[in-house]
Amino acid sequence: MRRYSICGAFFKVTLPVLELSEVGFHWPGRTRFALSLSNFTVDKGEAVLLLGESGSGKSTLLSLICGTILPNKGTVRVAGTDITTLSGGARDRFRAEQIGVIFQQFNLLPFGTVADNILLPLRFAPDRRKSAGDAKAAAAALCEQLGLPKDVFAAKANALSVGQQQRVAVARALIGHPPLIIADEPTSALDANSQAAFLDLLFQQTSAHNTSLLMVSHDPRLGERFDRVIRMEDIAQIERAAA
C-alpha cells in the first residue's frame, strides 16, 4: 500500500497483488518462441479468468508469474516484490510464501496422506506456516470446508477419488492464506455440474480471505463467474520462427 498526497490530503492506494510490466521472453533453441506483454495486473481480492487456446503462451506466462523462468526484460511484481531481482533460491522461497498453485493434474504426493499433501507448502514457507496457526487444525478445517469426510485426513492420496484429490489440491494451495492463487486448467476434466461445484468451493474460500485468483482455461463458458475475463491475445503477442 502506498500513500499519496493531493492538496495536503493523504490517500491510501492498494497496489495490485500481481503486476507485469513491459515483459519480454523468448525460449532459445531450434524453434524460436517469443512472448511480449506490455501490462497485466490482478488486484487484491479479484478473480480473473485468463482464456487462451493451446499454444497461446498461457503456460509460459504462468511460469513467468511463478518465477520458474525469468523474462529477458521487464518486471514481474507479486505482492509488491519484483521477483526478477531475486536469486533462484530466493524466488523458490518467495513462491512458496506468496503463491498457492492448483495444478491441472493436481500433482499430489501419491503415497503421502491428505494431511501430508496439504501441509507440504508450509515446510518451505515459515511465514505462511505462522499465518496458518495450528497447521494441522487449519488443514483439517479446510478439509471440512471443502466437503471432504473427516476420515480422509489420514488416507493416502492415491486412494482418493478424482474429486477428492482436486479438493485436496485446493486445500494445499489455500493453506496459510497466500495472497495469490494460480489455478492452471483445474476444471478441464470435469463435467458442467462438477465444474460449477468446484468453482463454488474455490470462490467461497478465496472470498473469505480476500485472496486474489488467476485461473487459466480455454473454456469461455466459465467467464460469468469471474470479476474479469482476459484473453491471451488481448494482452500478449506471440512470435514463432525457425532459427
Protein backbone atom coordinates (compact mmCIF):
# COMPACT_ATOMS: atom_id res chain seq x y z
CA MET A 1 0.00 0.00 0.00
CA ARG A 2 1.28 3.49 -0.89
CA ARG A 3 0.23 6.89 0.44
CA TYR A 4 -0.20 9.84 -1.90
CA SER A 5 -0.74 13.47 -1.00
CA ILE A 6 -3.09 15.66 -3.07
CA CYS A 7 -3.54 19.24 -1.91
CA GLY A 8 -2.29 18.23 1.51
CA ALA A 9 -4.68 15.30 1.91
CA PHE A 10 -3.29 11.78 2.05
CA PHE A 11 -4.87 8.88 0.21
CA LYS A 12 -4.02 5.20 0.54
CA VAL A 13 -3.73 3.26 -2.72
CA THR A 14 -3.71 -0.52 -2.66
CA LEU A 15 -1.16 -1.97 -5.06
CA PRO A 16 -2.07 -4.87 -7.34
CA VAL A 17 -1.21 -8.32 -6.00
CA LEU A 18 0.17 -9.15 -9.44
CA GLU A 19 1.65 -6.73 -11.95
CA LEU A 20 3.63 -7.49 -15.11
CA SER A 21 5.11 -4.56 -16.99
CA GLU A 22 6.90 -4.47 -20.38
CA VAL A 23 7.74 -8.17 -20.15
CA GLY A 24 9.60 -9.92 -22.93
CA PHE A 25 10.66 -13.54 -23.01
CA HIS A 26 11.96 -15.96 -25.61
CA TRP A 27 12.73 -19.65 -25.44
CA PRO A 28 16.13 -20.34 -27.00
CA GLY A 29 16.56 -23.30 -29.30
CA ARG A 30 15.85 -24.58 -32.75
CA THR A 31 12.33 -23.15 -32.95
CA ARG A 32 12.10 -19.64 -31.57
CA PHE A 33 9.15 -18.79 -29.33
CA ALA A 34 8.82 -15.26 -28.01
CA LEU A 35 6.22 -13.66 -25.76
CA SER A 36 5.82 -9.94 -25.14
CA LEU A 37 3.36 -8.28 -22.80
CA SER A 38 3.07 -4.58 -22.01
CA ASN A 39 0.92 -4.64 -18.87
CA PHE A 40 -1.19 -7.07 -16.88
CA THR A 41 -2.48 -6.73 -13.30
CA VAL A 42 -4.62 -8.60 -10.81
CA ASP A 43 -5.96 -6.58 -7.88
CA LYS A 44 -6.30 -7.75 -4.30
CA GLY A 45 -9.34 -9.98 -3.90
CA GLU A 46 -10.01 -10.03 -7.65
CA ALA A 47 -10.91 -13.21 -9.54
CA VAL A 48 -9.57 -13.14 -13.10
CA LEU A 49 -10.10 -15.74 -15.80
CA LEU A 50 -7.35 -15.89 -18.42
CA LEU A 51 -8.53 -17.53 -21.64
CA GLY A 52 -6.32 -18.95 -24.34
CA GLU A 53 -6.08 -21.84 -26.73
CA SER A 54 -3.30 -24.42 -26.67
CA GLY A 55 -0.05 -22.79 -27.76
CA SER A 56 -1.19 -19.27 -26.89
CA GLY A 57 1.53 -18.82 -24.26
CA LYS A 58 -0.54 -19.44 -21.12
CA SER A 59 1.94 -21.90 -19.62
CA THR A 60 4.87 -19.59 -20.33
CA LEU A 61 3.02 -16.69 -18.69
CA LEU A 62 2.27 -18.74 -15.58
CA SER A 63 5.92 -19.80 -15.37
CA LEU A 64 6.96 -16.14 -15.51
CA ILE A 65 4.47 -15.22 -12.77
CA CYS A 66 5.66 -18.06 -10.55
CA GLY A 67 9.32 -17.24 -11.19
CA THR A 68 10.27 -20.65 -12.53
CA ILE A 69 11.57 -18.79 -15.59
CA LEU A 70 12.74 -15.19 -15.83
CA PRO A 71 11.86 -12.65 -18.52
CA ASN A 72 14.58 -11.28 -20.74
CA LYS A 73 13.23 -7.83 -19.95
CA GLY A 74 10.55 -6.18 -17.84
CA THR A 75 9.25 -6.59 -14.30
CA VAL A 76 7.06 -9.19 -12.60
CA ARG A 77 5.74 -7.98 -9.24
CA VAL A 78 3.96 -10.31 -6.85
CA ALA A 79 2.71 -8.81 -3.56
CA GLY A 80 4.88 -5.76 -4.21
CA THR A 81 8.14 -7.63 -4.88
CA ASP A 82 9.81 -7.67 -8.29
CA ILE A 83 10.72 -11.34 -8.46
CA THR A 84 13.13 -10.75 -11.36
CA THR A 85 15.57 -9.23 -8.84
CA LEU A 86 15.66 -12.37 -6.68
CA SER A 87 18.10 -15.25 -6.88
CA GLY A 88 16.84 -18.70 -7.84
CA GLY A 89 16.67 -19.89 -4.24
CA ALA A 90 15.02 -16.67 -3.10
CA ARG A 91 12.40 -16.99 -5.84
CA ASP A 92 11.62 -20.55 -4.72
CA ARG A 93 11.13 -19.39 -1.13
CA PHE A 94 9.10 -16.37 -2.22
CA ARG A 95 6.85 -18.51 -4.41
CA ALA A 96 6.19 -20.89 -1.53
CA GLU A 97 5.21 -17.97 0.71
CA GLN A 98 3.18 -15.85 -1.67
CA ILE A 99 1.59 -18.11 -4.30
CA GLY A 100 -0.71 -21.11 -3.97
CA VAL A 101 -0.84 -23.21 -7.14
CA ILE A 102 -3.61 -25.59 -8.22
CA PHE A 103 -2.16 -27.76 -10.96
CA GLN A 104 -4.14 -29.26 -13.81
CA GLN A 105 -3.07 -32.79 -12.82
CA PHE A 106 -3.19 -31.92 -9.07
CA ASN A 107 0.45 -33.09 -8.52
CA LEU A 108 -0.28 -34.73 -5.19
CA LEU A 109 2.24 -37.00 -3.49
CA PRO A 110 0.51 -40.32 -4.28
CA PHE A 111 1.73 -42.21 -1.20
CA GLY A 112 1.51 -39.26 1.15
CA THR A 113 -1.55 -38.77 3.28
CA VAL A 114 -4.06 -36.00 2.71
CA ALA A 115 -2.50 -34.19 5.68
CA ASP A 116 1.00 -34.59 4.21
CA ASN A 117 -0.10 -33.10 0.90
CA ILE A 118 -1.97 -30.13 2.35
CA LEU A 119 0.82 -29.25 4.76
CA LEU A 120 3.63 -29.64 2.20
CA PRO A 121 3.92 -25.94 1.19
CA LEU A 122 4.34 -24.89 4.80
CA ARG A 123 7.61 -26.84 5.04
CA PHE A 124 9.15 -24.27 2.68
CA ALA A 125 7.25 -21.18 3.85
CA PRO A 126 7.73 -20.28 7.54
CA ASP A 127 5.69 -17.06 7.32
CA ARG A 128 2.83 -18.88 5.65
CA ARG A 129 3.05 -21.57 8.33
CA LYS A 130 2.84 -18.89 11.01
CA SER A 131 -0.23 -17.44 9.28
CA ALA A 132 -1.86 -20.88 9.36
CA GLY A 133 -1.55 -21.04 13.16
CA ASP A 134 -2.09 -24.64 14.26
CA ALA A 135 -1.24 -26.08 10.85
CA LYS A 136 -2.88 -29.49 11.31
CA ALA A 137 -6.04 -27.91 12.68
CA ALA A 138 -6.08 -25.46 9.78
CA ALA A 139 -5.67 -28.31 7.29
CA ALA A 140 -8.47 -30.29 8.93
CA ALA A 141 -10.72 -27.20 8.88
CA LEU A 142 -10.04 -26.71 5.17
CA CYS A 143 -10.95 -30.34 4.51
CA GLU A 144 -14.25 -29.83 6.31
CA GLN A 145 -14.98 -26.56 4.49
CA LEU A 146 -14.24 -28.23 1.15
CA GLY A 147 -16.63 -31.06 1.90
CA LEU A 148 -14.11 -33.83 2.50
CA PRO A 149 -15.09 -36.50 5.04
CA LYS A 150 -13.24 -36.49 8.36
CA ASP A 151 -11.74 -39.94 7.85
CA VAL A 152 -10.00 -38.83 4.65
CA PHE A 153 -7.36 -36.81 6.53
CA ALA A 154 -5.18 -39.88 7.16
CA ALA A 155 -5.91 -41.54 3.81
CA LYS A 156 -3.28 -41.88 1.09
CA ALA A 157 -3.76 -39.52 -1.85
CA ASN A 158 -3.77 -42.39 -4.36
CA ALA A 159 -6.80 -43.90 -2.60
CA LEU A 160 -8.96 -40.83 -3.19
CA SER A 161 -11.47 -40.21 -5.94
CA VAL A 162 -10.60 -37.61 -8.59
CA GLY A 163 -13.00 -35.14 -6.98
CA GLN A 164 -11.42 -35.65 -3.57
CA GLN A 165 -7.92 -35.25 -5.00
CA GLN A 166 -9.00 -31.98 -6.56
CA ARG A 167 -10.25 -30.66 -3.22
CA VAL A 168 -7.01 -31.66 -1.51
CA ALA A 169 -5.12 -29.73 -4.21
CA VAL A 170 -7.27 -26.68 -3.46
CA ALA A 171 -6.65 -27.01 0.29
CA ARG A 172 -2.89 -27.25 -0.32
CA ALA A 173 -2.98 -24.02 -2.35
CA LEU A 174 -5.11 -22.17 0.21
CA ILE A 175 -3.47 -23.13 3.50
CA GLY A 176 -1.65 -20.26 5.17
CA HIS A 177 -3.58 -17.70 3.10
CA PRO A 178 -1.12 -16.79 0.32
CA PRO A 179 -2.19 -13.54 -1.37
CA LEU A 180 -2.33 -15.06 -4.87
CA ILE A 181 -3.81 -18.34 -6.10
CA ILE A 182 -2.88 -19.61 -9.56
CA ALA A 183 -5.20 -22.27 -10.99
CA ASP A 184 -4.00 -23.95 -14.19
CA GLU A 185 -6.91 -25.52 -16.13
CA PRO A 186 -8.30 -27.15 -12.95
CA THR A 187 -11.74 -27.86 -14.46
CA SER A 188 -10.66 -29.23 -17.85
CA ALA A 189 -11.53 -32.85 -16.99
CA LEU A 190 -14.81 -32.09 -15.20
CA ASP A 191 -18.38 -32.12 -16.43
CA ALA A 192 -20.53 -28.97 -16.15
CA ASN A 193 -22.02 -29.86 -12.75
CA SER A 194 -18.63 -30.75 -11.29
CA GLN A 195 -17.14 -27.54 -12.70
CA ALA A 196 -19.84 -25.46 -11.01
CA ALA A 197 -19.37 -27.23 -7.67
CA PHE A 198 -15.60 -26.81 -7.87
CA LEU A 199 -15.85 -23.08 -8.60
CA ASP A 200 -18.36 -22.63 -5.77
CA LEU A 201 -15.83 -24.10 -3.34
CA LEU A 202 -12.90 -22.15 -4.76
CA PHE A 203 -14.69 -18.77 -4.73
CA GLN A 204 -16.04 -19.40 -1.25
CA GLN A 205 -12.53 -19.90 0.09
CA THR A 206 -10.82 -17.07 -1.79
CA SER A 207 -13.58 -14.61 -0.91
CA ALA A 208 -13.33 -15.47 2.78
CA HIS A 209 -9.72 -14.22 2.89
CA ASN A 210 -9.84 -11.61 0.11
CA THR A 211 -7.39 -13.72 -1.87
CA SER A 212 -6.63 -12.92 -5.49
CA LEU A 213 -7.32 -15.66 -8.03
CA LEU A 214 -5.88 -16.05 -11.51
CA MET A 215 -7.38 -19.05 -13.27
CA VAL A 216 -6.28 -20.19 -16.71
CA SER A 217 -8.67 -22.00 -19.01
CA HIS A 218 -9.64 -22.48 -22.64
CA ASP A 219 -13.37 -22.55 -21.75
CA PRO A 220 -15.12 -19.15 -22.14
CA ARG A 221 -18.31 -20.51 -20.52
CA LEU A 222 -16.65 -20.08 -17.13
CA GLY A 223 -16.33 -16.32 -17.61
CA GLU A 224 -19.59 -15.26 -15.97
CA ARG A 225 -18.30 -16.48 -12.60
CA PHE A 226 -15.29 -14.13 -12.59
CA ASP A 227 -14.77 -10.43 -11.91
CA ARG A 228 -12.84 -10.06 -15.14
CA VAL A 229 -12.12 -12.15 -18.23
CA ILE A 230 -8.91 -11.59 -20.20
CA ARG A 231 -7.89 -13.25 -23.45
CA MET A 232 -4.24 -14.02 -24.05
CA GLU A 233 -4.32 -12.43 -27.49
CA ASP A 234 -5.51 -9.16 -25.93
CA ILE A 235 -2.56 -8.82 -23.54
CA ALA A 236 0.31 -10.73 -25.14
CA GLN A 237 1.95 -11.11 -28.52
CA ILE A 238 3.47 -14.42 -29.55
CA GLU A 239 6.11 -14.89 -32.24
CA ARG A 240 7.30 -18.16 -33.65
CA ALA A 241 10.07 -18.51 -36.18
CA ALA A 242 12.58 -21.16 -37.22
CA ALA A 243 16.08 -20.34 -36.09
